[in-house]
Amino acid sequence: AGTIEFIADASEGLRADRFWFMEMNTRLQVEHPVTEAITGVDLVEWQLRIASGDPLPRRQEELSIHGWAFEARLYAEDAERGFLPATGRLAHLDLPEHLARVDSGVRAGDRISPYYDPMIAKIMTHGADRATALSALSTALAEVRATGVTTNATFLRRLTMQPDFV
């Protein structure tokens, strides 16, 4: 069970001759919550079922996409200093779980060390259209409160408001 990535050129509609294999990982991608949000499928559950020998719960043609989703990765890093990791003790952490799906493995009091990935959380939003999902992400990022280490929250929020990105 794993994730296979392809690049698809849909400029002339989706066609079998316009897909190129990129890579295969025997794990879910970090971005899997985006897929879960737009399909309503719990990919972790599916992966566990498949790994235990069950068939896929649904076929490709039974799946559909609904809306848009964004994922922002909140890191202990300093965007103003070339995105260098910011180590130290995470003194305070308040994440916008009331506004977005938040996946995190750290909490206030934890140390951010130079030995591991400095990701603090993934913040995901979903909406009926791109503008709605992006606005929700911007609002959620504005609610992030973290002290003790520098984070990229301000950079991410500014990104959500950049005209070219919007």
N, C-alpha and C. Protein backbone atom coordinates (compact mmCIF):
# COMPACT_ATOMS: atom_id res chain seq x y z
N ALA A 1 0.85 -1.18 0.00
CA ALA A 1 0.00 0.00 0.00
C ALA A 1 0.89 1.22 0.00
N GLY A 2 0.54 2.19 -0.81
CA GLY A 2 1.35 3.39 -0.88
C GLY A 2 0.74 4.43 -1.77
N THR A 3 1.57 5.37 -2.17
CA THR A 3 1.15 6.48 -3.01
C THR A 3 1.98 6.49 -4.27
N ILE A 4 1.30 6.58 -5.40
CA ILE A 4 1.98 6.70 -6.68
C ILE A 4 1.67 8.09 -7.22
N GLU A 5 2.72 8.81 -7.64
CA GLU A 5 2.54 10.16 -8.14
C GLU A 5 2.76 10.20 -9.64
N PHE A 6 1.89 10.94 -10.30
CA PHE A 6 1.99 11.16 -11.74
C PHE A 6 1.90 12.65 -12.02
N ILE A 7 2.39 13.05 -13.16
CA ILE A 7 2.14 14.38 -13.70
C ILE A 7 1.13 14.17 -14.82
N ALA A 8 0.11 15.01 -14.84
CA ALA A 8 -0.91 14.91 -15.89
C ALA A 8 -1.00 16.22 -16.64
N ASP A 9 -0.97 16.13 -17.96
CA ASP A 9 -1.19 17.30 -18.81
C ASP A 9 -2.64 17.27 -19.24
N ALA A 10 -3.45 18.14 -18.63
CA ALA A 10 -4.88 18.16 -18.93
C ALA A 10 -5.24 19.31 -19.87
N SER A 11 -4.24 19.89 -20.52
CA SER A 11 -4.50 21.03 -21.40
C SER A 11 -5.41 20.67 -22.56
N GLU A 12 -5.47 19.40 -22.92
CA GLU A 12 -6.35 18.93 -23.99
C GLU A 12 -7.35 17.91 -23.44
N GLY A 13 -7.67 18.04 -22.16
CA GLY A 13 -8.53 17.06 -21.50
C GLY A 13 -7.67 15.91 -21.00
N LEU A 14 -8.18 15.16 -20.03
CA LEU A 14 -7.42 14.02 -19.51
C LEU A 14 -7.41 12.89 -20.53
N ARG A 15 -6.20 12.50 -20.90
CA ARG A 15 -6.03 11.41 -21.87
C ARG A 15 -4.96 10.47 -21.36
N ALA A 16 -5.08 9.20 -21.70
CA ALA A 16 -4.14 8.18 -21.23
C ALA A 16 -2.71 8.47 -21.67
N ASP A 17 -2.51 9.10 -22.80
CA ASP A 17 -1.16 9.37 -23.28
C ASP A 17 -0.56 10.66 -22.72
N ARG A 18 -1.23 11.29 -21.74
CA ARG A 18 -0.76 12.55 -21.16
C ARG A 18 -0.47 12.42 -19.67
N PHE A 19 -0.12 11.20 -19.22
CA PHE A 19 0.25 10.95 -17.83
C PHE A 19 1.69 10.44 -17.80
N TRP A 20 2.48 10.93 -16.85
CA TRP A 20 3.85 10.48 -16.70
C TRP A 20 4.09 10.11 -15.25
N PHE A 21 4.67 8.93 -15.04
CA PHE A 21 5.00 8.43 -13.71
C PHE A 21 6.09 9.30 -13.09
N MET A 22 5.94 9.64 -11.80
CA MET A 22 6.97 10.38 -11.08
C MET A 22 7.67 9.53 -10.03
N GLU A 23 6.89 9.01 -9.07
CA GLU A 23 7.49 8.22 -8.01
C GLU A 23 6.45 7.39 -7.28
N MET A 24 6.94 6.40 -6.53
CA MET A 24 6.07 5.57 -5.70
C MET A 24 6.66 5.54 -4.31
N ASN A 25 5.83 5.79 -3.31
CA ASN A 25 6.25 5.73 -1.91
C ASN A 25 5.34 4.76 -1.17
N THR A 26 5.92 3.96 -0.31
CA THR A 26 5.12 3.00 0.45
C THR A 26 4.56 3.65 1.72
N ARG A 27 3.97 4.80 1.51
CA ARG A 27 3.33 5.55 2.58
C ARG A 27 2.41 6.57 1.93
N LEU A 28 1.58 7.19 2.74
CA LEU A 28 0.77 8.30 2.25
C LEU A 28 1.65 9.54 2.14
N GLN A 29 1.31 10.39 1.22
CA GLN A 29 2.01 11.66 1.09
C GLN A 29 1.56 12.60 2.20
N VAL A 30 2.40 13.56 2.53
CA VAL A 30 2.07 14.54 3.56
C VAL A 30 0.80 15.30 3.19
N GLU A 31 0.55 15.45 1.89
CA GLU A 31 -0.60 16.22 1.43
C GLU A 31 -1.90 15.41 1.38
N HIS A 32 -1.91 14.20 1.90
CA HIS A 32 -3.12 13.36 1.77
C HIS A 32 -4.39 14.00 2.34
N PRO A 33 -4.32 14.88 3.34
CA PRO A 33 -5.57 15.50 3.81
C PRO A 33 -6.28 16.34 2.73
N VAL A 34 -5.52 16.89 1.78
CA VAL A 34 -6.15 17.64 0.69
C VAL A 34 -7.01 16.70 -0.14
N THR A 35 -6.47 15.55 -0.48
CA THR A 35 -7.23 14.55 -1.24
C THR A 35 -8.44 14.10 -0.43
N GLU A 36 -8.25 13.87 0.86
CA GLU A 36 -9.37 13.45 1.70
C GLU A 36 -10.48 14.50 1.72
N ALA A 37 -10.09 15.77 1.79
CA ALA A 37 -11.09 16.85 1.86
C ALA A 37 -11.93 16.93 0.59
N ILE A 38 -11.30 16.79 -0.57
CA ILE A 38 -12.05 16.97 -1.82
C ILE A 38 -12.75 15.71 -2.30
N THR A 39 -12.37 14.56 -1.73
CA THR A 39 -13.03 13.31 -2.15
C THR A 39 -13.93 12.71 -1.07
N GLY A 40 -13.73 13.11 0.18
CA GLY A 40 -14.49 12.53 1.27
C GLY A 40 -14.03 11.13 1.63
N VAL A 41 -12.85 10.74 1.17
CA VAL A 41 -12.31 9.40 1.40
C VAL A 41 -11.26 9.46 2.50
N ASP A 42 -11.32 8.56 3.46
CA ASP A 42 -10.32 8.45 4.51
C ASP A 42 -9.20 7.56 3.98
N LEU A 43 -8.15 8.17 3.47
CA LEU A 43 -7.07 7.41 2.84
C LEU A 43 -6.29 6.55 3.82
N VAL A 44 -6.17 6.99 5.05
CA VAL A 44 -5.47 6.18 6.06
C VAL A 44 -6.24 4.87 6.28
N GLU A 45 -7.56 4.98 6.42
CA GLU A 45 -8.38 3.77 6.57
C GLU A 45 -8.22 2.86 5.37
N TRP A 46 -8.28 3.43 4.17
CA TRP A 46 -8.13 2.62 2.95
C TRP A 46 -6.77 1.93 2.92
N GLN A 47 -5.72 2.64 3.27
CA GLN A 47 -4.38 2.06 3.25
C GLN A 47 -4.28 0.89 4.22
N LEU A 48 -4.85 1.04 5.40
CA LEU A 48 -4.81 -0.05 6.38
C LEU A 48 -5.62 -1.25 5.90
N ARG A 49 -6.77 -1.01 5.31
CA ARG A 49 -7.60 -2.10 4.77
C ARG A 49 -6.87 -2.86 3.67
N ILE A 50 -6.26 -2.11 2.75
CA ILE A 50 -5.54 -2.73 1.64
C ILE A 50 -4.35 -3.52 2.16
N ALA A 51 -3.63 -2.96 3.12
CA ALA A 51 -2.47 -3.65 3.69
C ALA A 51 -2.85 -4.95 4.38
N SER A 52 -4.09 -5.03 4.87
CA SER A 52 -4.54 -6.27 5.51
C SER A 52 -5.23 -7.22 4.53
N GLY A 53 -5.18 -6.88 3.24
CA GLY A 53 -5.68 -7.80 2.22
C GLY A 53 -7.06 -7.51 1.68
N ASP A 54 -7.73 -6.48 2.18
CA ASP A 54 -9.05 -6.13 1.66
C ASP A 54 -8.93 -5.48 0.29
N PRO A 55 -9.96 -5.58 -0.53
CA PRO A 55 -9.94 -4.88 -1.81
C PRO A 55 -10.21 -3.38 -1.61
N LEU A 56 -9.94 -2.59 -2.63
CA LEU A 56 -10.28 -1.17 -2.57
C LEU A 56 -11.78 -1.02 -2.31
N PRO A 57 -12.19 -0.14 -1.41
CA PRO A 57 -13.61 0.03 -1.11
C PRO A 57 -14.43 0.56 -2.30
N ARG A 58 -13.81 1.35 -3.17
CA ARG A 58 -14.52 1.88 -4.34
C ARG A 58 -13.58 1.89 -5.55
N ARG A 59 -14.20 1.88 -6.71
CA ARG A 59 -13.43 1.95 -7.95
C ARG A 59 -13.24 3.42 -8.34
N GLN A 60 -12.26 3.67 -9.19
CA GLN A 60 -11.94 5.03 -9.61
C GLN A 60 -13.17 5.78 -10.12
N GLU A 61 -13.98 5.12 -10.93
CA GLU A 61 -15.15 5.81 -11.50
C GLU A 61 -16.23 6.11 -10.47
N GLU A 62 -16.11 5.56 -9.29
CA GLU A 62 -17.06 5.85 -8.22
C GLU A 62 -16.63 7.05 -7.36
N LEU A 63 -15.46 7.58 -7.63
CA LEU A 63 -14.93 8.71 -6.87
C LEU A 63 -15.19 10.01 -7.61
N SER A 64 -15.35 11.07 -6.87
CA SER A 64 -15.51 12.39 -7.49
C SER A 64 -14.87 13.44 -6.60
N ILE A 65 -14.62 14.59 -7.18
CA ILE A 65 -13.99 15.70 -6.48
C ILE A 65 -15.04 16.76 -6.19
N HIS A 66 -15.02 17.25 -4.95
CA HIS A 66 -15.97 18.28 -4.53
C HIS A 66 -15.21 19.44 -3.90
N GLY A 67 -15.20 20.57 -4.57
CA GLY A 67 -14.60 21.76 -4.01
C GLY A 67 -13.10 21.83 -4.15
N TRP A 68 -12.53 22.70 -3.33
CA TRP A 68 -11.10 22.97 -3.32
C TRP A 68 -10.58 22.80 -1.90
N ALA A 69 -9.30 22.47 -1.79
CA ALA A 69 -8.66 22.36 -0.48
C ALA A 69 -7.25 22.91 -0.55
N PHE A 70 -6.80 23.44 0.56
CA PHE A 70 -5.43 23.92 0.70
C PHE A 70 -4.82 23.32 1.95
N GLU A 71 -3.51 23.14 1.89
CA GLU A 71 -2.76 22.71 3.06
C GLU A 71 -1.56 23.62 3.23
N ALA A 72 -1.40 24.15 4.41
CA ALA A 72 -0.22 24.96 4.75
C ALA A 72 0.56 24.21 5.81
N ARG A 73 1.85 24.17 5.66
CA ARG A 73 2.71 23.50 6.63
C ARG A 73 3.34 24.56 7.53
N LEU A 74 2.93 24.53 8.78
CA LEU A 74 3.47 25.46 9.77
C LEU A 74 4.80 24.89 10.28
N TYR A 75 5.87 25.61 10.02
CA TYR A 75 7.21 25.17 10.39
C TYR A 75 7.85 26.10 11.40
N ALA A 76 8.73 25.56 12.21
CA ALA A 76 9.60 26.36 13.07
C ALA A 76 10.78 26.75 12.18
N GLU A 77 10.58 27.83 11.45
CA GLU A 77 11.61 28.32 10.54
C GLU A 77 11.43 29.82 10.39
N ASP A 78 12.52 30.47 10.01
CA ASP A 78 12.53 31.92 9.90
C ASP A 78 12.54 32.32 8.42
N ALA A 79 11.38 32.71 7.92
CA ALA A 79 11.25 33.09 6.50
C ALA A 79 12.12 34.28 6.16
N GLU A 80 12.32 35.18 7.12
CA GLU A 80 13.13 36.38 6.89
C GLU A 80 14.62 36.07 6.80
N ARG A 81 15.02 34.89 7.23
CA ARG A 81 16.44 34.49 7.21
C ARG A 81 16.63 33.29 6.29
N GLY A 82 15.94 33.29 5.16
CA GLY A 82 16.13 32.22 4.18
C GLY A 82 15.51 30.91 4.59
N PHE A 83 14.50 30.95 5.44
CA PHE A 83 13.78 29.77 5.91
C PHE A 83 14.67 28.82 6.73
N LEU A 84 15.62 29.40 7.45
CA LEU A 84 16.45 28.58 8.33
C LEU A 84 15.60 27.99 9.45
N PRO A 85 15.88 26.75 9.85
CA PRO A 85 15.14 26.17 10.97
C PRO A 85 15.33 27.00 12.23
N ALA A 86 14.29 27.06 13.04
CA ALA A 86 14.32 27.82 14.29
C ALA A 86 14.18 26.81 15.43
N THR A 87 15.24 26.57 16.15
CA THR A 87 15.21 25.58 17.22
C THR A 87 14.91 26.25 18.55
N GLY A 88 14.49 25.44 19.50
CA GLY A 88 14.20 25.94 20.84
C GLY A 88 12.97 25.25 21.41
N ARG A 89 12.51 25.76 22.55
CA ARG A 89 11.34 25.20 23.20
C ARG A 89 10.10 25.95 22.75
N LEU A 90 9.09 25.22 22.34
CA LEU A 90 7.82 25.79 21.91
C LEU A 90 7.06 26.17 23.19
N ALA A 91 7.19 27.42 23.60
CA ALA A 91 6.63 27.86 24.88
C ALA A 91 5.10 27.87 24.88
N HIS A 92 4.50 28.31 23.79
CA HIS A 92 3.04 28.41 23.70
C HIS A 92 2.61 28.01 22.30
N LEU A 93 1.53 27.26 22.20
CA LEU A 93 1.01 26.87 20.89
C LEU A 93 -0.50 26.80 20.93
N ASP A 94 -1.12 27.63 20.12
CA ASP A 94 -2.57 27.64 19.97
C ASP A 94 -2.86 27.57 18.48
N LEU A 95 -3.43 26.48 18.04
CA LEU A 95 -3.70 26.25 16.62
C LEU A 95 -5.19 26.38 16.32
N PRO A 96 -5.56 26.81 15.11
CA PRO A 96 -6.95 27.13 14.77
C PRO A 96 -7.82 25.90 14.46
N GLU A 97 -7.90 24.98 15.40
CA GLU A 97 -8.67 23.75 15.18
C GLU A 97 -10.17 24.01 15.01
N HIS A 98 -10.64 25.15 15.46
CA HIS A 98 -12.05 25.50 15.28
C HIS A 98 -12.33 26.04 13.88
N LEU A 99 -11.27 26.32 13.11
CA LEU A 99 -11.43 26.89 11.77
C LEU A 99 -10.95 25.97 10.65
N ALA A 100 -10.14 24.97 10.99
CA ALA A 100 -9.50 24.15 9.97
C ALA A 100 -9.17 22.78 10.54
N ARG A 101 -8.88 21.85 9.64
CA ARG A 101 -8.31 20.58 10.09
C ARG A 101 -6.86 20.86 10.42
N VAL A 102 -6.44 20.47 11.61
CA VAL A 102 -5.07 20.67 12.04
C VAL A 102 -4.50 19.32 12.45
N ASP A 103 -3.42 18.93 11.81
CA ASP A 103 -2.70 17.72 12.18
C ASP A 103 -1.37 18.15 12.77
N SER A 104 -1.10 17.73 13.99
CA SER A 104 0.14 18.14 14.66
C SER A 104 0.61 17.04 15.59
N GLY A 105 1.91 16.96 15.75
CA GLY A 105 2.50 15.99 16.67
C GLY A 105 3.28 16.65 17.78
N VAL A 106 3.14 17.97 17.91
CA VAL A 106 3.85 18.68 18.97
C VAL A 106 2.87 19.50 19.79
N ARG A 107 3.31 19.91 20.96
CA ARG A 107 2.48 20.75 21.82
C ARG A 107 3.40 21.69 22.60
N ALA A 108 2.79 22.65 23.26
CA ALA A 108 3.56 23.60 24.06
C ALA A 108 4.46 22.84 25.03
N GLY A 109 5.69 23.29 25.13
CA GLY A 109 6.67 22.65 26.01
C GLY A 109 7.62 21.75 25.26
N ASP A 110 7.23 21.30 24.07
CA ASP A 110 8.12 20.44 23.27
C ASP A 110 9.30 21.24 22.74
N ARG A 111 10.40 20.54 22.52
CA ARG A 111 11.60 21.17 21.94
C ARG A 111 11.64 20.91 20.45
N ILE A 112 11.96 21.94 19.71
CA ILE A 112 12.21 21.82 18.27
C ILE A 112 13.73 21.73 18.15
N SER A 113 14.21 20.59 17.71
CA SER A 113 15.66 20.37 17.65
C SER A 113 16.15 20.41 16.21
N PRO A 114 17.45 20.49 16.02
CA PRO A 114 18.00 20.48 14.66
C PRO A 114 18.05 19.07 14.06
N TYR A 115 17.63 18.07 14.83
CA TYR A 115 17.79 16.68 14.39
C TYR A 115 16.58 16.11 13.67
N TYR A 116 15.46 16.82 13.71
CA TYR A 116 14.24 16.33 13.08
C TYR A 116 13.59 17.45 12.27
N ASP A 117 12.68 17.07 11.40
CA ASP A 117 11.92 18.03 10.61
C ASP A 117 11.24 19.02 11.57
N PRO A 118 11.38 20.33 11.33
CA PRO A 118 10.80 21.31 12.26
C PRO A 118 9.32 21.63 11.98
N MET A 119 8.58 20.69 11.34
CA MET A 119 7.17 20.96 11.10
C MET A 119 6.41 20.91 12.42
N ILE A 120 5.60 21.93 12.65
CA ILE A 120 4.78 22.02 13.85
C ILE A 120 3.39 21.46 13.57
N ALA A 121 2.82 21.80 12.42
CA ALA A 121 1.46 21.35 12.11
C ALA A 121 1.18 21.50 10.62
N LYS A 122 0.18 20.78 10.19
CA LYS A 122 -0.41 20.98 8.87
C LYS A 122 -1.79 21.58 9.11
N ILE A 123 -2.11 22.64 8.39
CA ILE A 123 -3.39 23.32 8.53
C ILE A 123 -4.10 23.22 7.19
N MET A 124 -5.28 22.58 7.17
CA MET A 124 -6.01 22.34 5.93
C MET A 124 -7.40 22.96 5.97
N THR A 125 -7.78 23.56 4.83
CA THR A 125 -9.13 24.10 4.70
C THR A 125 -9.75 23.59 3.41
N HIS A 126 -11.07 23.61 3.39
CA HIS A 126 -11.83 23.12 2.25
C HIS A 126 -12.97 24.10 1.99
N GLY A 127 -13.31 24.29 0.74
CA GLY A 127 -14.42 25.16 0.39
C GLY A 127 -15.01 24.77 -0.95
N ALA A 128 -16.16 25.31 -1.24
CA ALA A 128 -16.85 24.99 -2.50
C ALA A 128 -16.06 25.46 -3.70
N ASP A 129 -15.24 26.51 -3.53
CA ASP A 129 -14.43 27.00 -4.64
C ASP A 129 -13.07 27.44 -4.09
N ARG A 130 -12.15 27.76 -5.00
CA ARG A 130 -10.79 28.11 -4.61
C ARG A 130 -10.77 29.33 -3.67
N ALA A 131 -11.53 30.36 -4.01
CA ALA A 131 -11.53 31.58 -3.21
C ALA A 131 -11.99 31.31 -1.78
N THR A 132 -13.02 30.49 -1.63
CA THR A 132 -13.54 30.18 -0.30
C THR A 132 -12.52 29.39 0.52
N ALA A 133 -11.91 28.39 -0.09
CA ALA A 133 -10.92 27.57 0.62
C ALA A 133 -9.69 28.40 0.99
N LEU A 134 -9.26 29.27 0.09
CA LEU A 134 -8.08 30.10 0.36
C LEU A 134 -8.38 31.15 1.43
N SER A 135 -9.55 31.75 1.40
CA SER A 135 -9.93 32.71 2.42
C SER A 135 -9.97 32.04 3.80
N ALA A 136 -10.50 30.83 3.85
CA ALA A 136 -10.55 30.09 5.11
C ALA A 136 -9.15 29.80 5.63
N LEU A 137 -8.22 29.48 4.71
CA LEU A 137 -6.84 29.23 5.13
C LEU A 137 -6.20 30.50 5.67
N SER A 138 -6.42 31.61 5.01
CA SER A 138 -5.88 32.88 5.46
C SER A 138 -6.39 33.22 6.86
N THR A 139 -7.68 33.03 7.07
CA THR A 139 -8.29 33.29 8.38
C THR A 139 -7.70 32.37 9.44
N ALA A 140 -7.54 31.09 9.12
CA ALA A 140 -6.98 30.13 10.07
C ALA A 140 -5.54 30.49 10.42
N LEU A 141 -4.75 30.85 9.42
CA LEU A 141 -3.35 31.21 9.68
C LEU A 141 -3.24 32.44 10.57
N ALA A 142 -4.18 33.36 10.46
CA ALA A 142 -4.18 34.56 11.30
C ALA A 142 -4.41 34.20 12.77
N GLU A 143 -4.98 33.04 13.03
CA GLU A 143 -5.28 32.60 14.40
C GLU A 143 -4.15 31.81 15.05
N VAL A 144 -3.10 31.48 14.31
CA VAL A 144 -1.98 30.71 14.86
C VAL A 144 -1.26 31.56 15.90
N ARG A 145 -1.06 30.98 17.07
CA ARG A 145 -0.31 31.63 18.14
C ARG A 145 0.77 30.66 18.59
N ALA A 146 2.02 31.03 18.35
CA ALA A 146 3.15 30.19 18.75
C ALA A 146 4.26 31.09 19.25
N THR A 147 4.81 30.75 20.40
CA THR A 147 5.93 31.51 20.93
C THR A 147 7.02 30.55 21.37
N GLY A 148 8.23 31.08 21.44
CA GLY A 148 9.38 30.28 21.84
C GLY A 148 10.28 29.97 20.66
N VAL A 149 9.68 29.82 19.50
CA VAL A 149 10.45 29.65 18.26
C VAL A 149 9.80 30.51 17.18
N THR A 150 10.56 30.88 16.21
CA THR A 150 10.03 31.62 15.07
C THR A 150 9.31 30.64 14.15
N THR A 151 8.15 31.04 13.65
CA THR A 151 7.43 30.18 12.70
C THR A 151 7.24 30.91 11.38
N ASN A 152 6.79 30.16 10.39
CA ASN A 152 6.52 30.72 9.08
C ASN A 152 5.05 31.14 8.92
N ALA A 153 4.30 31.26 10.00
CA ALA A 153 2.87 31.57 9.93
C ALA A 153 2.60 32.89 9.22
N THR A 154 3.36 33.92 9.53
CA THR A 154 3.14 35.22 8.90
C THR A 154 3.43 35.14 7.40
N PHE A 155 4.52 34.47 7.04
CA PHE A 155 4.85 34.28 5.63
C PHE A 155 3.72 33.55 4.90
N LEU A 156 3.22 32.48 5.49
CA LEU A 156 2.15 31.71 4.85
C LEU A 156 0.90 32.56 4.67
N ARG A 157 0.56 33.35 5.66
CA ARG A 157 -0.63 34.20 5.54
C ARG A 157 -0.44 35.24 4.45
N ARG A 158 0.74 35.85 4.39
CA ARG A 158 1.00 36.82 3.31
C ARG A 158 0.88 36.14 1.95
N LEU A 159 1.34 34.90 1.86
CA LEU A 159 1.25 34.16 0.60
C LEU A 159 -0.20 33.99 0.16
N THR A 160 -1.10 33.73 1.12
CA THR A 160 -2.51 33.53 0.77
C THR A 160 -3.16 34.80 0.21
N MET A 161 -2.49 35.93 0.38
CA MET A 161 -3.06 37.20 -0.10
C MET A 161 -2.32 37.77 -1.30
N GLN A 162 -1.30 37.08 -1.78
CA GLN A 162 -0.56 37.53 -2.96
C GLN A 162 -1.42 37.41 -4.20
N PRO A 163 -1.62 38.48 -4.95
CA PRO A 163 -2.50 38.44 -6.13
C PRO A 163 -2.17 37.32 -7.11
N ASP A 164 -0.90 37.08 -7.37
CA ASP A 164 -0.55 36.00 -8.31
C ASP A 164 -0.95 34.64 -7.78
N PHE A 165 -0.86 34.44 -6.48
CA PHE A 165 -1.26 33.16 -5.89
C PHE A 165 -2.79 33.06 -5.83
N VAL A 166 -3.43 34.15 -5.43
CA VAL A 166 -4.88 34.17 -5.34
C VAL A 166 -5.47 33.87 -6.70
